[in-house]
Amino acid sequence: MYLFKMEVDSSEGALIVILAAENEEQAFEEMDQHVERHFLYPPELKEVAIVEKKRITAGTAYVIETRKD
């Protein structure tokens, strides 16, 4: 099992999706479902990219930096 960090460019703006999946194909399928459930009206997905992929072990995590402009 892997932990994926995905960047999504959508009609609603930029999204970061972090999810667990067995492989990249499953990660893309799960990402679609999660984005659809998150919004009242699912946005158009323009571009999706896997940014990082880590094997899940105790303590596996991502640090997501946010900027105040």
Protein backbone atom coordinates (compact mmCIF):
# COMPACT_ATOMS: atom_id res chain seq x y z
CA MET A 1 0.00 0.00 0.00
CA TYR A 2 1.25 3.48 -0.88
CA LEU A 3 0.44 7.01 0.17
CA PHE A 4 0.04 9.31 -2.84
CA LYS A 5 0.22 13.09 -2.94
CA MET A 6 -1.60 14.33 -6.04
CA GLU A 7 -1.95 17.82 -7.47
CA VAL A 8 -5.13 18.53 -9.37
CA ASP A 9 -5.81 21.51 -11.62
CA SER A 10 -9.59 21.88 -11.78
CA SER A 11 -12.23 24.38 -12.77
CA GLU A 12 -12.52 25.13 -9.02
CA GLY A 13 -8.79 25.88 -8.72
CA ALA A 14 -5.78 23.94 -7.51
CA LEU A 15 -6.36 20.96 -5.21
CA ILE A 16 -4.03 18.68 -3.28
CA VAL A 17 -5.34 15.16 -2.69
CA ILE A 18 -3.58 12.71 -0.38
CA LEU A 19 -4.80 9.13 -0.42
CA ALA A 20 -3.80 5.53 0.14
CA ALA A 21 -3.93 3.06 -2.74
CA GLU A 22 -2.33 -0.17 -3.91
CA ASN A 23 -1.07 1.29 -7.20
CA GLU A 24 -1.15 4.38 -9.43
CA GLU A 25 -4.20 3.27 -11.41
CA GLN A 26 -6.22 2.80 -8.22
CA ALA A 27 -4.94 6.17 -6.93
CA PHE A 28 -6.36 7.99 -9.98
CA GLU A 29 -9.71 6.18 -9.66
CA GLU A 30 -9.97 6.96 -5.94
CA MET A 31 -8.96 10.59 -6.50
CA ASP A 32 -11.83 11.03 -8.99
CA GLN A 33 -14.33 9.65 -6.48
CA HIS A 34 -13.06 11.78 -3.59
CA VAL A 35 -13.10 15.00 -5.63
CA GLU A 36 -16.64 14.25 -6.86
CA ARG A 37 -17.87 13.72 -3.27
CA HIS A 38 -16.11 16.85 -2.00
CA PHE A 39 -17.97 19.31 -4.24
CA LEU A 40 -21.71 19.87 -4.62
CA TYR A 41 -21.12 20.09 -8.39
CA PRO A 42 -18.02 18.13 -9.43
CA PRO A 43 -15.45 20.37 -11.15
CA GLU A 44 -13.83 19.72 -14.50
CA LEU A 45 -10.43 18.12 -13.91
CA LYS A 46 -7.94 19.73 -16.27
CA GLU A 47 -4.72 18.08 -15.15
CA VAL A 48 -3.79 15.53 -12.48
CA ALA A 49 -0.27 14.61 -11.41
CA ILE A 50 1.21 12.31 -8.81
CA VAL A 51 3.75 14.47 -7.01
CA GLU A 52 4.97 11.95 -4.43
CA LYS A 53 4.49 8.27 -3.71
CA LYS A 54 5.56 6.70 -0.40
CA ARG A 55 5.23 3.16 0.89
CA ILE A 56 2.98 3.24 3.95
CA THR A 57 4.83 2.41 7.15
CA ALA A 58 4.42 3.69 10.71
CA GLY A 59 4.98 7.42 10.68
CA THR A 60 4.54 7.95 6.93
CA ALA A 61 3.38 11.53 6.36
CA TYR A 62 3.45 14.56 4.13
CA VAL A 63 4.17 18.12 5.19
CA ILE A 64 2.07 20.53 3.16
CA GLU A 65 3.32 24.08 3.15
CA THR A 66 0.74 26.85 2.77
CA ARG A 67 1.60 30.40 1.92
CA LYS A 68 -0.01 33.59 3.11
CA ASP A 69 0.16 36.09 0.28
